Amino acid sequence: MYIYKDLVTDEACEKSKNKILRKLRMHAGMVDVYLICLANGSDNFDIYDSACLKQKAFPRDTIYLVGLAKGKESALQLSIDLYLSLSQKWDTLLVKQVFEKQKEELFRRY
């Protein structure tokens, strides 16, 4: 799993960000925690329930984690806000292509 250096979280996950990341590494179960990751297809982001990572067949090495949220609606809103802020910051609508070009600089292995 790779984690965005400026990991984005909602207000509910901000205090327990390190605890959530530690639990993700240890394959521990968490209720109502959602992960915002770079999509493998043509979309920009995928939203996964943290319970998906407990499955052994889930490809953990190809996950590029960008954000954490408590609740599915919060994760959806956070992904929209993230896309809008990054498109303004990088002055492009092709946010995923910028992530793809700069993976070594923007992500760290976890």
PDB file of N, CA and C in Angstrom:
ATOM      1  N   MET A   1       0.841  -1.163   0.000  1.00  0.00           N
ATOM      2  CA  MET A   1       0.000   0.000   0.000  1.00  0.00           C
ATOM      3  C   MET A   1       0.895   1.238   0.000  1.00  0.00           C
ATOM      4  N   TYR A   2       0.479   2.216  -0.771  1.00  0.00           N
ATOM      5  CA  TYR A   2       1.180   3.484  -0.835  1.00  0.00           C
ATOM      6  C   TYR A   2       0.250   4.579  -0.307  1.00  0.00           C
ATOM      7  N   ILE A   3       0.811   5.528   0.432  1.00  0.00           N
ATOM      8  CA  ILE A   3       0.009   6.568   1.057  1.00  0.00           C
ATOM      9  C   ILE A   3       0.463   7.931   0.549  1.00  0.00           C
ATOM     10  N   TYR A   4      -0.511   8.734   0.192  1.00  0.00           N
ATOM     11  CA  TYR A   4      -0.276  10.104  -0.265  1.00  0.00           C
ATOM     12  C   TYR A   4       0.376  10.893   0.875  1.00  0.00           C
ATOM     13  N   LYS A   5       1.414  11.628   0.561  1.00  0.00           N
ATOM     14  CA  LYS A   5       2.148  12.347   1.610  1.00  0.00           C
ATOM     15  C   LYS A   5       1.289  13.379   2.323  1.00  0.00           C
ATOM     16  N   ASP A   6       0.339  13.989   1.600  1.00  0.00           N
ATOM     17  CA  ASP A   6      -0.592  14.944   2.205  1.00  0.00           C
ATOM     18  C   ASP A   6      -1.952  14.284   2.364  1.00  0.00           C
ATOM     19  N   LEU A   7      -1.998  13.176   3.089  1.00  0.00           N
ATOM     20  CA  LEU A   7      -3.208  12.385   3.248  1.00  0.00           C
ATOM     21  C   LEU A   7      -4.357  13.264   3.737  1.00  0.00           C
ATOM     22  N   VAL A   8      -5.484  13.161   3.046  1.00  0.00           N
ATOM     23  CA  VAL A   8      -6.650  13.978   3.352  1.00  0.00           C
ATOM     24  C   VAL A   8      -7.605  13.163   4.215  1.00  0.00           C
ATOM     25  N   THR A   9      -8.104  13.766   5.278  1.00  0.00           N
ATOM     26  CA  THR A   9      -9.062  13.094   6.147  1.00  0.00           C
ATOM     27  C   THR A   9     -10.226  14.029   6.441  1.00  0.00           C
ATOM     28  N   ASP A  10     -11.347  13.449   6.814  1.00  0.00           N
ATOM     29  CA  ASP A  10     -12.456  14.276   7.265  1.00  0.00           C
ATOM     30  C   ASP A  10     -12.262  14.588   8.744  1.00  0.00           C
ATOM     31  N   GLU A  11     -13.169  15.357   9.296  1.00  0.00           N
ATOM     32  CA  GLU A  11     -13.024  15.795  10.690  1.00  0.00           C
ATOM     33  C   GLU A  11     -13.062  14.635  11.673  1.00  0.00           C
ATOM     34  N   ALA A  12     -13.856  13.619  11.370  1.00  0.00           N
ATOM     35  CA  ALA A  12     -14.002  12.486  12.289  1.00  0.00           C
ATOM     36  C   ALA A  12     -12.744  11.619  12.344  1.00  0.00           C
ATOM     37  N   CYS A  13     -11.993  11.559  11.252  1.00  0.00           N
ATOM     38  CA  CYS A  13     -10.794  10.712  11.193  1.00  0.00           C
ATOM     39  C   CYS A  13      -9.504  11.473  11.491  1.00  0.00           C
ATOM     40  N   GLU A  14      -9.584  12.770  11.620  1.00  0.00           N
ATOM     41  CA  GLU A  14      -8.371  13.571  11.785  1.00  0.00           C
ATOM     42  C   GLU A  14      -7.601  13.200  13.058  1.00  0.00           C
ATOM     43  N   LYS A  15      -8.306  13.031  14.162  1.00  0.00           N
ATOM     44  CA  LYS A  15      -7.636  12.737  15.428  1.00  0.00           C
ATOM     45  C   LYS A  15      -7.041  11.336  15.456  1.00  0.00           C
ATOM     46  N   SER A  16      -7.715  10.393  14.815  1.00  0.00           N
ATOM     47  CA  SER A  16      -7.280   9.000  14.888  1.00  0.00           C
ATOM     48  C   SER A  16      -6.647   8.513  13.579  1.00  0.00           C
ATOM     49  N   LYS A  17      -6.051   9.407  12.820  1.00  0.00           N
ATOM     50  CA  LYS A  17      -5.463   9.057  11.528  1.00  0.00           C
ATOM     51  C   LYS A  17      -4.361   8.015  11.666  1.00  0.00           C
ATOM     52  N   ASN A  18      -3.456   8.204  12.589  1.00  0.00           N
ATOM     53  CA  ASN A  18      -2.356   7.252  12.771  1.00  0.00           C
ATOM     54  C   ASN A  18      -2.847   5.904  13.274  1.00  0.00           C
ATOM     55  N   LYS A  19      -3.852   5.926  14.121  1.00  0.00           N
ATOM     56  CA  LYS A  19      -4.433   4.689  14.641  1.00  0.00           C
ATOM     57  C   LYS A  19      -5.105   3.901  13.514  1.00  0.00           C
ATOM     58  N   ILE A  20      -5.808   4.593  12.638  1.00  0.00           N
ATOM     59  CA  ILE A  20      -6.459   3.938  11.501  1.00  0.00           C
ATOM     60  C   ILE A  20      -5.426   3.343  10.561  1.00  0.00           C
ATOM     61  N   LEU A  21      -4.367   4.081  10.287  1.00  0.00           N
ATOM     62  CA  LEU A  21      -3.312   3.576   9.401  1.00  0.00           C
ATOM     63  C   LEU A  21      -2.628   2.346  10.002  1.00  0.00           C
ATOM     64  N   ARG A  22      -2.417   2.372  11.303  1.00  0.00           N
ATOM     65  CA  ARG A  22      -1.822   1.214  11.968  1.00  0.00           C
ATOM     66  C   ARG A  22      -2.739  -0.004  11.875  1.00  0.00           C
ATOM     67  N   LYS A  23      -4.025   0.207  12.053  1.00  0.00           N
ATOM     68  CA  LYS A  23      -4.974  -0.897  11.941  1.00  0.00           C
ATOM     69  C   LYS A  23      -5.051  -1.425  10.508  1.00  0.00           C
ATOM     70  N   LEU A  24      -4.923  -0.551   9.532  1.00  0.00           N
ATOM     71  CA  LEU A  24      -4.896  -1.007   8.141  1.00  0.00           C
ATOM     72  C   LEU A  24      -3.694  -1.902   7.888  1.00  0.00           C
ATOM     73  N   ARG A  25      -2.576  -1.538   8.449  1.00  0.00           N
ATOM     74  CA  ARG A  25      -1.361  -2.329   8.265  1.00  0.00           C
ATOM     75  C   ARG A  25      -1.478  -3.696   8.935  1.00  0.00           C
ATOM     76  N   MET A  26      -2.179  -3.756  10.063  1.00  0.00           N
ATOM     77  CA  MET A  26      -2.306  -4.999  10.818  1.00  0.00           C
ATOM     78  C   MET A  26      -3.525  -5.819  10.400  1.00  0.00           C
ATOM     79  N   HIS A  27      -4.250  -5.388   9.357  1.00  0.00           N
ATOM     80  CA  HIS A  27      -5.444  -6.084   8.862  1.00  0.00           C
ATOM     81  C   HIS A  27      -6.541  -6.164   9.917  1.00  0.00           C
ATOM     82  N   ALA A  28      -6.627  -5.191  10.786  1.00  0.00           N
ATOM     83  CA  ALA A  28      -7.667  -5.176  11.812  1.00  0.00           C
ATOM     84  C   ALA A  28      -8.961  -4.622  11.226  1.00  0.00           C
ATOM     85  N   GLY A  29     -10.068  -5.069  11.744  1.00  0.00           N
ATOM     86  CA  GLY A  29     -11.352  -4.606  11.254  1.00  0.00           C
ATOM     87  C   GLY A  29     -11.733  -3.263  11.846  1.00  0.00           C
ATOM     88  N   MET A  30     -12.339  -2.430  11.036  1.00  0.00           N
ATOM     89  CA  MET A  30     -12.827  -1.130  11.483  1.00  0.00           C
ATOM     90  C   MET A  30     -14.227  -0.927  10.930  1.00  0.00           C
ATOM     91  N   VAL A  31     -15.066  -0.327  11.725  1.00  0.00           N
ATOM     92  CA  VAL A  31     -16.439  -0.096  11.324  1.00  0.00           C
ATOM     93  C   VAL A  31     -16.571   1.313  10.763  1.00  0.00           C
ATOM     94  N   ASP A  32     -17.195   1.414   9.605  1.00  0.00           N
ATOM     95  CA  ASP A  32     -17.568   2.694   9.004  1.00  0.00           C
ATOM     96  C   ASP A  32     -16.371   3.577   8.634  1.00  0.00           C
ATOM     97  N   VAL A  33     -15.248   2.979   8.271  1.00  0.00           N
ATOM     98  CA  VAL A  33     -14.092   3.731   7.791  1.00  0.00           C
ATOM     99  C   VAL A  33     -13.931   3.421   6.308  1.00  0.00           C
ATOM    100  N   TYR A  34     -13.854   4.466   5.511  1.00  0.00           N
ATOM    101  CA  TYR A  34     -13.753   4.312   4.066  1.00  0.00           C
ATOM    102  C   TYR A  34     -12.442   4.905   3.563  1.00  0.00           C
ATOM    103  N   LEU A  35     -11.879   4.258   2.545  1.00  0.00           N
ATOM    104  CA  LEU A  35     -10.608   4.661   1.962  1.00  0.00           C
ATOM    105  C   LEU A  35     -10.849   5.261   0.584  1.00  0.00           C
ATOM    106  N   ILE A  36     -10.237   6.391   0.324  1.00  0.00           N
ATOM    107  CA  ILE A  36     -10.301   7.008  -0.991  1.00  0.00           C
ATOM    108  C   ILE A  36      -8.960   6.729  -1.653  1.00  0.00           C
ATOM    109  N   CYS A  37      -9.004   5.991  -2.757  1.00  0.00           N
ATOM    110  CA  CYS A  37      -7.790   5.533  -3.427  1.00  0.00           C
ATOM    111  C   CYS A  37      -7.821   5.940  -4.897  1.00  0.00           C
ATOM    112  N   LEU A  38      -6.654   5.953  -5.514  1.00  0.00           N
ATOM    113  CA  LEU A  38      -6.608   6.171  -6.959  1.00  0.00           C
ATOM    114  C   LEU A  38      -7.239   4.977  -7.657  1.00  0.00           C
ATOM    115  N   ALA A  39      -8.035   5.245  -8.668  1.00  0.00           N
ATOM    116  CA  ALA A  39      -8.721   4.183  -9.390  1.00  0.00           C
ATOM    117  C   ALA A  39      -7.779   3.502 -10.370  1.00  0.00           C
ATOM    118  N   ASN A  40      -8.007   2.208 -10.588  1.00  0.00           N
ATOM    119  CA  ASN A  40      -7.211   1.474 -11.565  1.00  0.00           C
ATOM    120  C   ASN A  40      -7.734   1.674 -12.979  1.00  0.00           C
ATOM    121  N   GLY A  41      -9.001   2.018 -13.139  1.00  0.00           N
ATOM    122  CA  GLY A  41      -9.605   2.208 -14.442  1.00  0.00           C
ATOM    123  C   GLY A  41      -9.523   3.652 -14.895  1.00  0.00           C
ATOM    124  N   SER A  42     -10.569   4.087 -15.562  1.00  0.00           N
ATOM    125  CA  SER A  42     -10.575   5.439 -16.117  1.00  0.00           C
ATOM    126  C   SER A  42     -11.071   6.490 -15.122  1.00  0.00           C
ATOM    127  N   ASP A  43     -11.628   6.071 -13.994  1.00  0.00           N
ATOM    128  CA  ASP A  43     -12.104   7.021 -12.988  1.00  0.00           C
ATOM    129  C   ASP A  43     -10.919   7.631 -12.243  1.00  0.00           C
ATOM    130  N   ASN A  44     -11.201   8.689 -11.493  1.00  0.00           N
ATOM    131  CA  ASN A  44     -10.151   9.325 -10.710  1.00  0.00           C
ATOM    132  C   ASN A  44      -9.924   8.608  -9.381  1.00  0.00           C
ATOM    133  N   PHE A  45     -11.008   8.376  -8.631  1.00  0.00           N
ATOM    134  CA  PHE A  45     -10.890   7.787  -7.306  1.00  0.00           C
ATOM    135  C   PHE A  45     -11.839   6.612  -7.141  1.00  0.00           C
ATOM    136  N   ASP A  46     -11.445   5.653  -6.316  1.00  0.00           N
ATOM    137  CA  ASP A  46     -12.304   4.568  -5.864  1.00  0.00           C
ATOM    138  C   ASP A  46     -12.494   4.739  -4.366  1.00  0.00           C
ATOM    139  N   ILE A  47     -13.668   4.382  -3.884  1.00  0.00           N
ATOM    140  CA  ILE A  47     -13.956   4.432  -2.457  1.00  0.00           C
ATOM    141  C   ILE A  47     -14.180   3.004  -1.983  1.00  0.00           C
ATOM    142  N   TYR A  48     -13.338   2.562  -1.046  1.00  0.00           N
ATOM    143  CA  TYR A  48     -13.414   1.201  -0.512  1.00  0.00           C
ATOM    144  C   TYR A  48     -13.785   1.245   0.961  1.00  0.00           C
ATOM    145  N   ASP A  49     -14.550   0.271   1.380  1.00  0.00           N
ATOM    146  CA  ASP A  49     -14.781   0.050   2.799  1.00  0.00           C
ATOM    147  C   ASP A  49     -13.512  -0.585   3.363  1.00  0.00           C
ATOM    148  N   SER A  50     -13.121  -0.210   4.549  1.00  0.00           N
ATOM    149  CA  SER A  50     -11.874  -0.735   5.111  1.00  0.00           C
ATOM    150  C   SER A  50     -11.939  -2.245   5.344  1.00  0.00           C
ATOM    151  N   ALA A  51     -13.127  -2.794   5.409  1.00  0.00           N
ATOM    152  CA  ALA A  51     -13.270  -4.242   5.593  1.00  0.00           C
ATOM    153  C   ALA A  51     -12.762  -5.013   4.370  1.00  0.00           C
ATOM    154  N   CYS A  52     -12.721  -4.388   3.214  1.00  0.00           N
ATOM    155  CA  CYS A  52     -12.212  -5.055   2.001  1.00  0.00           C
ATOM    156  C   CYS A  52     -10.754  -5.467   2.165  1.00  0.00           C
ATOM    157  N   LEU A  53     -10.008  -4.696   2.924  1.00  0.00           N
ATOM    158  CA  LEU A  53      -8.586  -4.993   3.085  1.00  0.00           C
ATOM    159  C   LEU A  53      -8.328  -6.200   3.968  1.00  0.00           C
ATOM    160  N   LYS A  54      -9.351  -6.683   4.650  1.00  0.00           N
ATOM    161  CA  LYS A  54      -9.185  -7.896   5.461  1.00  0.00           C
ATOM    162  C   LYS A  54      -9.148  -9.142   4.588  1.00  0.00           C
ATOM    163  N   GLN A  55      -9.654  -9.050   3.368  1.00  0.00           N
ATOM    164  CA  GLN A  55      -9.655 -10.196   2.472  1.00  0.00           C
ATOM    165  C   GLN A  55      -8.247 -10.456   1.966  1.00  0.00           C
ATOM    166  N   LYS A  56      -7.839 -11.692   1.978  1.00  0.00           N
ATOM    167  CA  LYS A  56      -6.480 -12.025   1.562  1.00  0.00           C
ATOM    168  C   LYS A  56      -6.270 -11.834   0.067  1.00  0.00           C
ATOM    169  N   ALA A  57      -7.333 -11.969  -0.721  1.00  0.00           N
ATOM    170  CA  ALA A  57      -7.204 -11.856  -2.172  1.00  0.00           C
ATOM    171  C   ALA A  57      -7.215 -10.411  -2.658  1.00  0.00           C
ATOM    172  N   PHE A  58      -7.447  -9.464  -1.774  1.00  0.00           N
ATOM    173  CA  PHE A  58      -7.500  -8.055  -2.176  1.00  0.00           C
ATOM    174  C   PHE A  58      -6.081  -7.568  -2.487  1.00  0.00           C
ATOM    175  N   PRO A  59      -5.864  -6.950  -3.649  1.00  0.00           N
ATOM    176  CA  PRO A  59      -4.502  -6.539  -4.044  1.00  0.00           C
ATOM    177  C   PRO A  59      -4.016  -5.306  -3.283  1.00  0.00           C
ATOM    178  N   ARG A  60      -3.365  -5.515  -2.159  1.00  0.00           N
ATOM    179  CA  ARG A  60      -2.913  -4.407  -1.316  1.00  0.00           C
ATOM    180  C   ARG A  60      -1.728  -3.645  -1.916  1.00  0.00           C
ATOM    181  N   ASP A  61      -0.933  -4.295  -2.760  1.00  0.00           N
ATOM    182  CA  ASP A  61       0.255  -3.643  -3.303  1.00  0.00           C
ATOM    183  C   ASP A  61      -0.065  -2.605  -4.367  1.00  0.00           C
ATOM    184  N   THR A  62      -1.269  -2.638  -4.908  1.00  0.00           N
ATOM    185  CA  THR A  62      -1.630  -1.692  -5.963  1.00  0.00           C
ATOM    186  C   THR A  62      -2.514  -0.565  -5.463  1.00  0.00           C
ATOM    187  N   ILE A  63      -2.654  -0.434  -4.146  1.00  0.00           N
ATOM    188  CA  ILE A  63      -3.509   0.609  -3.583  1.00  0.00           C
ATOM    189  C   ILE A  63      -2.676   1.861  -3.324  1.00  0.00           C
ATOM    190  N   TYR A  64      -3.180   2.975  -3.850  1.00  0.00           N
ATOM    191  CA  TYR A  64      -2.583   4.281  -3.597  1.00  0.00           C
ATOM    192  C   TYR A  64      -3.604   5.089  -2.809  1.00  0.00           C
ATOM    193  N   LEU A  65      -3.436   5.126  -1.488  1.00  0.00           N
ATOM    194  CA  LEU A  65      -4.384   5.748  -0.575  1.00  0.00           C
ATOM    195  C   LEU A  65      -4.215   7.262  -0.592  1.00  0.00           C
ATOM    196  N   VAL A  66      -5.330   7.970  -0.825  1.00  0.00           N
ATOM    197  CA  VAL A  66      -5.302   9.426  -0.905  1.00  0.00           C
ATOM    198  C   VAL A  66      -6.053  10.061   0.257  1.00  0.00           C
ATOM    199  N   GLY A  67      -7.097   9.378   0.769  1.00  0.00           N
ATOM    200  CA  GLY A  67      -7.887   9.966   1.834  1.00  0.00           C
ATOM    201  C   GLY A  67      -8.581   8.937   2.702  1.00  0.00           C
ATOM    202  N   LEU A  68      -8.981   9.371   3.897  1.00  0.00           N
ATOM    203  CA  LEU A  68      -9.717   8.550   4.860  1.00  0.00           C
ATOM    204  C   LEU A  68     -10.963   9.308   5.296  1.00  0.00           C
ATOM    205  N   ALA A  69     -12.071   8.571   5.443  1.00  0.00           N
ATOM    206  CA  ALA A  69     -13.305   9.215   5.876  1.00  0.00           C
ATOM    207  C   ALA A  69     -14.113   8.268   6.741  1.00  0.00           C
ATOM    208  N   LYS A  70     -14.885   8.837   7.621  1.00  0.00           N
ATOM    209  CA  LYS A  70     -15.784   8.076   8.490  1.00  0.00           C
ATOM    210  C   LYS A  70     -17.187   8.200   7.909  1.00  0.00           C
ATOM    211  N   GLY A  71     -17.664   7.142   7.283  1.00  0.00           N
ATOM    212  CA  GLY A  71     -18.984   7.143   6.659  1.00  0.00           C
ATOM    213  C   GLY A  71     -18.870   7.292   5.151  1.00  0.00           C
ATOM    214  N   LYS A  72     -19.799   6.654   4.456  1.00  0.00           N
ATOM    215  CA  LYS A  72     -19.748   6.650   2.997  1.00  0.00           C
ATOM    216  C   LYS A  72     -20.073   8.020   2.410  1.00  0.00           C
ATOM    217  N   GLU A  73     -21.041   8.718   2.967  1.00  0.00           N
ATOM    218  CA  GLU A  73     -21.388  10.045   2.459  1.00  0.00           C
ATOM    219  C   GLU A  73     -20.242  11.025   2.662  1.00  0.00           C
ATOM    220  N   SER A  74     -19.582  10.921   3.780  1.00  0.00           N
ATOM    221  CA  SER A  74     -18.432  11.772   4.048  1.00  0.00           C
ATOM    222  C   SER A  74     -17.291  11.468   3.082  1.00  0.00           C
ATOM    223  N   ALA A  75     -17.105  10.191   2.751  1.00  0.00           N
ATOM    224  CA  ALA A  75     -16.063   9.798   1.808  1.00  0.00           C
ATOM    225  C   ALA A  75     -16.357  10.340   0.414  1.00  0.00           C
ATOM    226  N   LEU A  76     -17.619  10.301   0.020  1.00  0.00           N
ATOM    227  CA  LEU A  76     -17.995  10.833  -1.283  1.00  0.00           C
ATOM    228  C   LEU A  76     -17.765  12.334  -1.351  1.00  0.00           C
ATOM    229  N   GLN A  77     -18.180  13.053  -0.314  1.00  0.00           N
ATOM    230  CA  GLN A  77     -17.982  14.500  -0.281  1.00  0.00           C
ATOM    231  C   GLN A  77     -16.505  14.860  -0.225  1.00  0.00           C
ATOM    232  N   LEU A  78     -15.732  14.090   0.527  1.00  0.00           N
ATOM    233  CA  LEU A  78     -14.296  14.342   0.626  1.00  0.00           C
ATOM    234  C   LEU A  78     -13.599  14.119  -0.713  1.00  0.00           C
ATOM    235  N   SER A  79     -14.016  13.102  -1.454  1.00  0.00           N
ATOM    236  CA  SER A  79     -13.397  12.849  -2.756  1.00  0.00           C
ATOM    237  C   SER A  79     -13.723  13.963  -3.748  1.00  0.00           C
ATOM    238  N   ILE A  80     -14.934  14.501  -3.681  1.00  0.00           N
ATOM    239  CA  ILE A  80     -15.291  15.633  -4.549  1.00  0.00           C
ATOM    240  C   ILE A  80     -14.470  16.857  -4.186  1.00  0.00           C
ATOM    241  N   ASP A  81     -14.387  17.158  -2.896  1.00  0.00           N
ATOM    242  CA  ASP A  81     -13.597  18.309  -2.439  1.00  0.00           C
ATOM    243  C   ASP A  81     -12.125  18.150  -2.795  1.00  0.00           C
ATOM    244  N   LEU A  82     -11.613  16.937  -2.669  1.00  0.00           N
ATOM    245  CA  LEU A  82     -10.215  16.663  -2.993  1.00  0.00           C
ATOM    246  C   LEU A  82      -9.956  16.892  -4.477  1.00  0.00           C
ATOM    247  N   TYR A  83     -10.848  16.399  -5.310  1.00  0.00           N
ATOM    248  CA  TYR A  83     -10.689  16.585  -6.751  1.00  0.00           C
ATOM    249  C   TYR A  83     -10.703  18.065  -7.118  1.00  0.00           C
ATOM    250  N   LEU A  84     -11.637  18.814  -6.551  1.00  0.00           N
ATOM    251  CA  LEU A  84     -11.732  20.243  -6.868  1.00  0.00           C
ATOM    252  C   LEU A  84     -10.507  21.015  -6.385  1.00  0.00           C
ATOM    253  N   SER A  85     -10.038  20.704  -5.187  1.00  0.00           N
ATOM    254  CA  SER A  85      -8.873  21.432  -4.667  1.00  0.00           C
ATOM    255  C   SER A  85      -7.603  21.091  -5.446  1.00  0.00           C
ATOM    256  N   LEU A  86      -7.431  19.822  -5.819  1.00  0.00           N
ATOM    257  CA  LEU A  86      -6.240  19.449  -6.583  1.00  0.00           C
ATOM    258  C   LEU A  86      -6.283  19.982  -8.004  1.00  0.00           C
ATOM    259  N   SER A  87      -7.463  20.045  -8.594  1.00  0.00           N
ATOM    260  CA  SER A  87      -7.554  20.597  -9.941  1.00  0.00           C
ATOM    261  C   SER A  87      -7.233  22.089  -9.940  1.00  0.00           C
ATOM    262  N   GLN A  88      -7.591  22.797  -8.884  1.00  0.00           N
ATOM    263  CA  GLN A  88      -7.206  24.204  -8.775  1.00  0.00           C
ATOM    264  C   GLN A  88      -5.718  24.352  -8.484  1.00  0.00           C
ATOM    265  N   LYS A  89      -5.196  23.510  -7.624  1.00  0.00           N
ATOM    266  CA  LYS A  89      -3.788  23.581  -7.246  1.00  0.00           C
ATOM    267  C   LYS A  89      -2.874  23.308  -8.434  1.00  0.00           C
ATOM    268  N   TRP A  90      -3.214  22.264  -9.206  1.00  0.00           N
ATOM    269  CA  TRP A  90      -2.370  21.871 -10.336  1.00  0.00           C
ATOM    270  C   TRP A  90      -2.807  22.503 -11.650  1.00  0.00           C
ATOM    271  N   ASP A  91      -3.902  23.272 -11.626  1.00  0.00           N
ATOM    272  CA  ASP A  91      -4.415  23.982 -12.791  1.00  0.00           C
ATOM    273  C   ASP A  91      -4.710  23.048 -13.960  1.00  0.00           C
ATOM    274  N   THR A  92      -5.304  21.907 -13.659  1.00  0.00           N
ATOM    275  CA  THR A  92      -5.699  20.947 -14.674  1.00  0.00           C
ATOM    276  C   THR A  92      -6.859  20.105 -14.161  1.00  0.00           C
ATOM    277  N   LEU A  93      -7.662  19.590 -15.086  1.00  0.00           N
ATOM    278  CA  LEU A  93      -8.744  18.695 -14.704  1.00  0.00           C
ATOM    279  C   LEU A  93      -8.302  17.240 -14.719  1.00  0.00           C
ATOM    280  N   LEU A  94      -7.127  16.969 -15.217  1.00  0.00           N
ATOM    281  CA  LEU A  94      -6.592  15.613 -15.318  1.00  0.00           C
ATOM    282  C   LEU A  94      -5.785  15.269 -14.068  1.00  0.00           C
ATOM    283  N   VAL A  95      -6.470  15.208 -12.942  1.00  0.00           N
ATOM    284  CA  VAL A  95      -5.819  14.990 -11.652  1.00  0.00           C
ATOM    285  C   VAL A  95      -5.147  13.619 -11.601  1.00  0.00           C
ATOM    286  N   LYS A  96      -5.804  12.615 -12.115  1.00  0.00           N
ATOM    287  CA  LYS A  96      -5.242  11.266 -12.051  1.00  0.00           C
ATOM    288  C   LYS A  96      -3.945  11.164 -12.855  1.00  0.00           C
ATOM    289  N   GLN A  97      -3.877  11.850 -13.986  1.00  0.00           N
ATOM    290  CA  GLN A  97      -2.658  11.816 -14.796  1.00  0.00           C
ATOM    291  C   GLN A  97      -1.489  12.480 -14.068  1.00  0.00           C
ATOM    292  N   VAL A  98      -1.760  13.512 -13.303  1.00  0.00           N
ATOM    293  CA  VAL A  98      -0.699  14.152 -12.514  1.00  0.00           C
ATOM    294  C   VAL A  98      -0.215  13.193 -11.433  1.00  0.00           C
ATOM    295  N   PHE A  99      -1.152  12.498 -10.782  1.00  0.00           N
ATOM    296  CA  PHE A  99      -0.767  11.494  -9.787  1.00  0.00           C
ATOM    297  C   PHE A  99       0.086  10.402 -10.435  1.00  0.00           C
ATOM    298  N   GLU A 100      -0.313   9.950 -11.617  1.00  0.00           N
ATOM    299  CA  GLU A 100       0.418   8.879 -12.299  1.00  0.00           C
ATOM    300  C   GLU A 100       1.842   9.312 -12.651  1.00  0.00           C
ATOM    301  N   LYS A 101       2.005  10.539 -13.077  1.00  0.00           N
ATOM    302  CA  LYS A 101       3.335  11.027 -13.475  1.00  0.00           C
ATOM    303  C   LYS A 101       4.264  11.227 -12.281  1.00  0.00           C
ATOM    304  N   GLN A 102       3.698  11.585 -11.134  1.00  0.00           N
ATOM    305  CA  GLN A 102       4.516  11.943  -9.974  1.00  0.00           C
ATOM    306  C   GLN A 102       4.334  10.980  -8.805  1.00  0.00           C
ATOM    307  N   LYS A 103       4.129   9.707  -9.075  1.00  0.00           N
ATOM    308  CA  LYS A 103       3.881   8.734  -7.994  1.00  0.00           C
ATOM    309  C   LYS A 103       5.031   8.662  -7.008  1.00  0.00           C
ATOM    310  N   GLU A 104       6.267   8.687  -7.495  1.00  0.00           N
ATOM    311  CA  GLU A 104       7.417   8.566  -6.592  1.00  0.00           C
ATOM    312  C   GLU A 104       7.518   9.754  -5.647  1.00  0.00           C
ATOM    313  N   GLU A 105       7.131  10.936  -6.108  1.00  0.00           N
ATOM    314  CA  GLU A 105       7.235  12.137  -5.295  1.00  0.00           C
ATOM    315  C   GLU A 105       6.063  12.293  -4.336  1.00  0.00           C
ATOM    316  N   LEU A 106       4.874  11.878  -4.755  1.00  0.00           N
ATOM    317  CA  LEU A 106       3.661  12.161  -3.989  1.00  0.00           C
ATOM    318  C   LEU A 106       3.275  11.057  -3.005  1.00  0.00           C
ATOM    319  N   PHE A 107       3.787   9.836  -3.196  1.00  0.00           N
ATOM    320  CA  PHE A 107       3.377   8.719  -2.349  1.00  0.00           C
ATOM    321  C   PHE A 107       4.572   8.117  -1.649  1.00  0.00           C
ATOM    322  N   ARG A 108       4.302   7.522  -0.486  1.00  0.00           N
ATOM    323  CA  ARG A 108       5.345   6.775   0.224  1.00  0.00           C
ATOM    324  C   ARG A 108       4.805   5.384   0.529  1.00  0.00           C
ATOM    325  N   ARG A 109       5.687   4.417   0.574  1.00  0.00           N
ATOM    326  CA  ARG A 109       5.289   3.037   0.846  1.00  0.00           C
ATOM    327  C   ARG A 109       4.949   2.877   2.309  1.00  0.00           C
ATOM    328  N   TYR A 110       3.880   2.163   2.586  1.00  0.00           N
ATOM    329  CA  TYR A 110       3.459   1.966   3.968  1.00  0.00           C
ATOM    330  C   TYR A 110       3.349   0.506   4.277  1.00  0.00           C
TER     331      TYR A 110
END
